[in-house]
């Protein structure tokens, strides 16, 4: 989930460089999509609470969420650039709404499943500690890779207008 979040931290560059919006409008779209996330969270949470399958309560949503994230991310970054300029923004918004549904499936399960991992409340903070260390390392290393390796390989700041950069 956090890897997808890291990738989508660069979505404003994609919106400005590929979709053709202004930076301010890109930020506005991202903000509105966070509101959409606030709508989907309680709905998906309710569905997870009511789910009782032979695969448990959380596993189906881990799988469904990951599939939605994978497919919608691929479609956003691969198909949006080849659409006519006028169709890119509406297409992106619809696909990003679907992406948020997948992200919500994943996050609701990730956070609620932490309490299901053990009956010992003393062990739960250990999981949170490892999660925090992993995220701190990922959020420190990936921007270095992007700025030191990927950007120079795609022509510096011009990379943000190259669809290949976002698929790299």
C-alpha atoms as a PDB file:
ATOM      1  CA  UNK A   1       0.000   0.000   0.000  1.00  0.00           C
ATOM      2  CA  UNK A   2       2.732   2.433   0.927  1.00  0.00           C
ATOM      3  CA  UNK A   3       4.651   1.712  -2.266  1.00  0.00           C
ATOM      4  CA  UNK A   4       1.607   2.762  -4.272  1.00  0.00           C
ATOM      5  CA  UNK A   5       1.265   5.825  -2.060  1.00  0.00           C
ATOM      6  CA  UNK A   6       4.896   6.689  -2.773  1.00  0.00           C
ATOM      7  CA  UNK A   7       4.374   6.370  -6.527  1.00  0.00           C
ATOM      8  CA  UNK A   8       1.275   8.541  -6.387  1.00  0.00           C
ATOM      9  CA  UNK A   9       3.099  11.247  -4.458  1.00  0.00           C
ATOM     10  CA  UNK A  10       4.403  12.215  -7.905  1.00  0.00           C
ATOM     11  CA  UNK A  11       0.931  12.345  -9.444  1.00  0.00           C
ATOM     12  CA  UNK A  12       0.882  16.149  -9.568  1.00  0.00           C
ATOM     13  CA  UNK A  13       3.862  16.004 -11.929  1.00  0.00           C
ATOM     14  CA  UNK A  14       1.978  13.500 -14.062  1.00  0.00           C
ATOM     15  CA  UNK A  15      -1.122  15.687 -14.111  1.00  0.00           C
ATOM     16  CA  UNK A  16       0.836  18.803 -15.060  1.00  0.00           C
ATOM     17  CA  UNK A  17       3.247  17.147 -17.491  1.00  0.00           C
ATOM     18  CA  UNK A  18       1.111  14.495 -19.170  1.00  0.00           C
ATOM     19  CA  UNK A  19      -2.568  15.253 -18.539  1.00  0.00           C
ATOM     20  CA  UNK A  20      -2.039  18.948 -19.201  1.00  0.00           C
ATOM     21  CA  UNK A  21      -3.425  20.584 -16.071  1.00  0.00           C
ATOM     22  CA  UNK A  22      -1.896  23.432 -14.128  1.00  0.00           C
ATOM     23  CA  UNK A  23      -0.051  22.606 -10.922  1.00  0.00           C
ATOM     24  CA  UNK A  24      -2.703  24.348  -8.811  1.00  0.00           C
ATOM     25  CA  UNK A  25      -5.503  22.409 -10.502  1.00  0.00           C
ATOM     26  CA  UNK A  26      -3.524  19.163 -10.053  1.00  0.00           C
ATOM     27  CA  UNK A  27      -3.357  19.863  -6.334  1.00  0.00           C
ATOM     28  CA  UNK A  28      -7.079  20.596  -6.262  1.00  0.00           C
ATOM     29  CA  UNK A  29      -7.867  17.297  -7.973  1.00  0.00           C
ATOM     30  CA  UNK A  30      -5.708  15.450  -5.486  1.00  0.00           C
ATOM     31  CA  UNK A  31      -7.487  17.182  -2.596  1.00  0.00           C
ATOM     32  CA  UNK A  32     -10.931  16.329  -3.963  1.00  0.00           C
ATOM     33  CA  UNK A  33      -9.828  12.724  -4.389  1.00  0.00           C
ATOM     34  CA  UNK A  34      -8.862  12.635  -0.695  1.00  0.00           C
ATOM     35  CA  UNK A  35     -12.469  13.602   0.029  1.00  0.00           C
ATOM     36  CA  UNK A  36     -13.581  10.686  -2.167  1.00  0.00           C
ATOM     37  CA  UNK A  37     -11.281   8.511  -0.047  1.00  0.00           C
ATOM     38  CA  UNK A  38     -13.162   9.750   3.022  1.00  0.00           C
ATOM     39  CA  UNK A  39     -16.410   8.562   1.434  1.00  0.00           C
ATOM     40  CA  UNK A  40     -15.082   5.127   0.503  1.00  0.00           C
ATOM     41  CA  UNK A  41     -13.384   4.381   3.862  1.00  0.00           C
ATOM     42  CA  UNK A  42     -16.525   3.820   5.966  1.00  0.00           C
ATOM     43  CA  UNK A  43     -18.251   1.946   3.140  1.00  0.00           C
ATOM     44  CA  UNK A  44     -15.377  -0.494   2.633  1.00  0.00           C
ATOM     45  CA  UNK A  45     -14.957  -0.772   6.413  1.00  0.00           C
ATOM     46  CA  UNK A  46     -18.615  -1.726   6.744  1.00  0.00           C
ATOM     47  CA  UNK A  47     -18.287  -4.344   3.985  1.00  0.00           C
ATOM     48  CA  UNK A  48     -15.142  -5.798   5.618  1.00  0.00           C
ATOM     49  CA  UNK A  49     -16.941  -6.009   8.974  1.00  0.00           C
ATOM     50  CA  UNK A  50     -19.838  -7.910   7.380  1.00  0.00           C
ATOM     51  CA  UNK A  51     -17.584 -10.296   5.440  1.00  0.00           C
ATOM     52  CA  UNK A  52     -17.271 -13.859   6.675  1.00  0.00           C
ATOM     53  CA  UNK A  53     -15.741 -16.138   4.074  1.00  0.00           C
ATOM     54  CA  UNK A  54     -13.698 -19.308   4.138  1.00  0.00           C
ATOM     55  CA  UNK A  55     -10.679 -17.060   3.440  1.00  0.00           C
ATOM     56  CA  UNK A  56     -11.325 -15.011   6.614  1.00  0.00           C
ATOM     57  CA  UNK A  57     -12.493 -11.450   6.902  1.00  0.00           C
ATOM     58  CA  UNK A  58      -9.410  -9.614   5.592  1.00  0.00           C
ATOM     59  CA  UNK A  59      -7.741 -11.804   2.957  1.00  0.00           C
ATOM     60  CA  UNK A  60     -10.248 -11.189   0.141  1.00  0.00           C
ATOM     61  CA  UNK A  61      -9.813  -7.436   0.547  1.00  0.00           C
ATOM     62  CA  UNK A  62      -6.024  -7.706   0.497  1.00  0.00           C
ATOM     63  CA  UNK A  63      -6.263  -9.531  -2.835  1.00  0.00           C
ATOM     64  CA  UNK A  64      -9.014  -7.336  -4.287  1.00  0.00           C
ATOM     65  CA  UNK A  65      -7.283  -4.144  -3.152  1.00  0.00           C
ATOM     66  CA  UNK A  66      -3.944  -5.161  -4.626  1.00  0.00           C
ATOM     67  CA  UNK A  67      -5.508  -6.174  -7.934  1.00  0.00           C
ATOM     68  CA  UNK A  68      -7.392  -2.886  -8.192  1.00  0.00           C
ATOM     69  CA  UNK A  69      -4.230  -0.921  -7.324  1.00  0.00           C
ATOM     70  CA  UNK A  70      -2.124  -2.803  -9.852  1.00  0.00           C
ATOM     71  CA  UNK A  71      -4.596  -2.580 -12.727  1.00  0.00           C
ATOM     72  CA  UNK A  72      -5.707   1.008 -12.134  1.00  0.00           C
ATOM     73  CA  UNK A  73      -2.117   2.259 -11.698  1.00  0.00           C
ATOM     74  CA  UNK A  74      -1.055   0.545 -14.896  1.00  0.00           C
ATOM     75  CA  UNK A  75      -4.024   1.966 -16.797  1.00  0.00           C
ATOM     76  CA  UNK A  76      -3.481   5.477 -15.424  1.00  0.00           C
ATOM     77  CA  UNK A  77       0.191   5.616 -16.368  1.00  0.00           C
ATOM     78  CA  UNK A  78       0.009   3.584 -19.602  1.00  0.00           C
ATOM     79  CA  UNK A  79      -3.277   4.598 -21.242  1.00  0.00           C
ATOM     80  CA  UNK A  80      -3.801   8.195 -20.152  1.00  0.00           C
ATOM     81  CA  UNK A  81      -0.872   9.563 -22.220  1.00  0.00           C
ATOM     82  CA  UNK A  82      -2.141   8.009 -25.456  1.00  0.00           C
ATOM     83  CA  UNK A  83      -5.643   9.458 -25.173  1.00  0.00           C
ATOM     84  CA  UNK A  84      -6.566  12.703 -26.897  1.00  0.00           C
ATOM     85  CA  UNK A  85      -5.701  15.663 -24.672  1.00  0.00           C
ATOM     86  CA  UNK A  86      -9.372  16.536 -24.022  1.00  0.00           C
ATOM     87  CA  UNK A  87     -10.137  13.007 -22.780  1.00  0.00           C
ATOM     88  CA  UNK A  88      -7.152  12.643 -20.446  1.00  0.00           C
ATOM     89  CA  UNK A  89      -8.488  14.515 -17.430  1.00  0.00           C
ATOM     90  CA  UNK A  90     -11.943  12.868 -17.249  1.00  0.00           C
ATOM     91  CA  UNK A  91     -10.355   9.466 -17.853  1.00  0.00           C
ATOM     92  CA  UNK A  92      -7.761  10.089 -15.157  1.00  0.00           C
ATOM     93  CA  UNK A  93     -10.394  11.181 -12.627  1.00  0.00           C
ATOM     94  CA  UNK A  94     -12.496   8.038 -13.177  1.00  0.00           C
ATOM     95  CA  UNK A  95      -9.455   5.755 -12.998  1.00  0.00           C
ATOM     96  CA  UNK A  96      -8.147   7.526  -9.907  1.00  0.00           C
ATOM     97  CA  UNK A  97     -11.520   7.069  -8.212  1.00  0.00           C
ATOM     98  CA  UNK A  98     -11.203   3.334  -8.892  1.00  0.00           C
ATOM     99  CA  UNK A  99      -7.612   3.423  -7.624  1.00  0.00           C
ATOM    100  CA  UNK A 100      -8.846   5.007  -4.368  1.00  0.00           C
ATOM    101  CA  UNK A 101     -11.326   2.152  -3.902  1.00  0.00           C
ATOM    102  CA  UNK A 102      -8.454  -0.342  -4.185  1.00  0.00           C
ATOM    103  CA  UNK A 103      -6.316   1.742  -1.862  1.00  0.00           C
ATOM    104  CA  UNK A 104      -9.147   1.850   0.653  1.00  0.00           C
ATOM    105  CA  UNK A 105      -9.631  -1.935   0.499  1.00  0.00           C
ATOM    106  CA  UNK A 106      -5.948  -2.325   1.210  1.00  0.00           C
ATOM    107  CA  UNK A 107      -5.658   0.301   3.973  1.00  0.00           C
ATOM    108  CA  UNK A 108      -8.777  -0.692   5.890  1.00  0.00           C
ATOM    109  CA  UNK A 109      -7.507  -4.252   6.043  1.00  0.00           C
ATOM    110  CA  UNK A 110      -3.918  -3.284   6.778  1.00  0.00           C
ATOM    111  CA  UNK A 111      -4.907  -1.207   9.785  1.00  0.00           C
ATOM    112  CA  UNK A 112      -7.709  -3.412  11.121  1.00  0.00           C
ATOM    113  CA  UNK A 113      -5.787  -6.667  10.596  1.00  0.00           C
ATOM    114  CA  UNK A 114      -2.967  -5.505  12.854  1.00  0.00           C
ATOM    115  CA  UNK A 115      -5.127  -6.309  15.879  1.00  0.00           C
ATOM    116  CA  UNK A 116      -5.954  -9.733  14.404  1.00  0.00           C
ATOM    117  CA  UNK A 117      -2.316 -10.809  14.166  1.00  0.00           C
ATOM    118  CA  UNK A 118      -2.012 -11.610  17.852  1.00  0.00           C
ATOM    119  CA  UNK A 119      -4.126 -11.801  20.971  1.00  0.00           C
ATOM    120  CA  UNK A 120      -1.259 -10.352  23.005  1.00  0.00           C
ATOM    121  CA  UNK A 121      -1.657  -6.555  23.128  1.00  0.00           C
ATOM    122  CA  UNK A 122       2.040  -6.284  24.057  1.00  0.00           C
ATOM    123  CA  UNK A 123       3.063  -7.655  20.650  1.00  0.00           C
ATOM    124  CA  UNK A 124       0.998  -5.205  18.612  1.00  0.00           C
ATOM    125  CA  UNK A 125       3.386  -2.263  19.061  1.00  0.00           C
ATOM    126  CA  UNK A 126       6.205  -4.443  17.714  1.00  0.00           C
ATOM    127  CA  UNK A 127       4.368  -4.775  14.411  1.00  0.00           C
ATOM    128  CA  UNK A 128       3.798  -1.027  14.355  1.00  0.00           C
ATOM    129  CA  UNK A 129       7.509  -0.476  15.030  1.00  0.00           C
ATOM    130  CA  UNK A 130       8.575  -2.645  12.080  1.00  0.00           C
ATOM    131  CA  UNK A 131       5.977  -0.951   9.884  1.00  0.00           C
ATOM    132  CA  UNK A 132       7.313   2.467  10.883  1.00  0.00           C
ATOM    133  CA  UNK A 133      10.931   1.497  10.201  1.00  0.00           C
ATOM    134  CA  UNK A 134      10.006   0.057   6.801  1.00  0.00           C
ATOM    135  CA  UNK A 135       8.070   3.183   5.842  1.00  0.00           C
ATOM    136  CA  UNK A 136      10.796   5.525   7.039  1.00  0.00           C
ATOM    137  CA  UNK A 137      13.398   3.685   4.974  1.00  0.00           C
ATOM    138  CA  UNK A 138      11.160   3.498   1.921  1.00  0.00           C
ATOM    139  CA  UNK A 139      10.248   7.183   2.072  1.00  0.00           C
ATOM    140  CA  UNK A 140      13.919   8.100   2.485  1.00  0.00           C
ATOM    141  CA  UNK A 141      15.380   5.838  -0.219  1.00  0.00           C
ATOM    142  CA  UNK A 142      12.838   6.040  -3.058  1.00  0.00           C
ATOM    143  CA  UNK A 143      13.086   9.831  -3.550  1.00  0.00           C
ATOM    144  CA  UNK A 144      16.866   9.485  -3.748  1.00  0.00           C
ATOM    145  CA  UNK A 145      16.500   6.803  -6.415  1.00  0.00           C
ATOM    146  CA  UNK A 146      14.039   8.949  -8.338  1.00  0.00           C
ATOM    147  CA  UNK A 147      16.133  12.126  -8.229  1.00  0.00           C
ATOM    148  CA  UNK A 148      19.582  10.535  -8.619  1.00  0.00           C
ATOM    149  CA  UNK A 149      18.842   7.677 -11.018  1.00  0.00           C
ATOM    150  CA  UNK A 150      15.510   8.010 -12.815  1.00  0.00           C
ATOM    151  CA  UNK A 151      15.357  11.757 -13.468  1.00  0.00           C
ATOM    152  CA  UNK A 152      18.844  11.988 -15.033  1.00  0.00           C
ATOM    153  CA  UNK A 153      18.111   8.883 -17.100  1.00  0.00           C
ATOM    154  CA  UNK A 154      15.045  10.540 -18.598  1.00  0.00           C
ATOM    155  CA  UNK A 155      16.490  13.990 -19.266  1.00  0.00           C
ATOM    156  CA  UNK A 156      16.265  15.766 -15.913  1.00  0.00           C
ATOM    157  CA  UNK A 157      13.170  17.843 -15.224  1.00  0.00           C
ATOM    158  CA  UNK A 158      11.943  17.151 -18.762  1.00  0.00           C
ATOM    159  CA  UNK A 159      11.218  13.627 -17.508  1.00  0.00           C
ATOM    160  CA  UNK A 160       7.964  14.866 -16.005  1.00  0.00           C
ATOM    161  CA  UNK A 161       6.590  15.414 -19.513  1.00  0.00           C
ATOM    162  CA  UNK A 162       7.738  11.978 -20.741  1.00  0.00           C
ATOM    163  CA  UNK A 163       5.177   9.174 -20.303  1.00  0.00           C
ATOM    164  CA  UNK A 164       8.027   6.634 -20.298  1.00  0.00           C
ATOM    165  CA  UNK A 165       9.336   8.145 -17.054  1.00  0.00           C
ATOM    166  CA  UNK A 166       6.104   7.282 -15.264  1.00  0.00           C
ATOM    167  CA  UNK A 167       6.158   3.733 -16.621  1.00  0.00           C
ATOM    168  CA  UNK A 168       9.911   3.269 -15.854  1.00  0.00           C
END
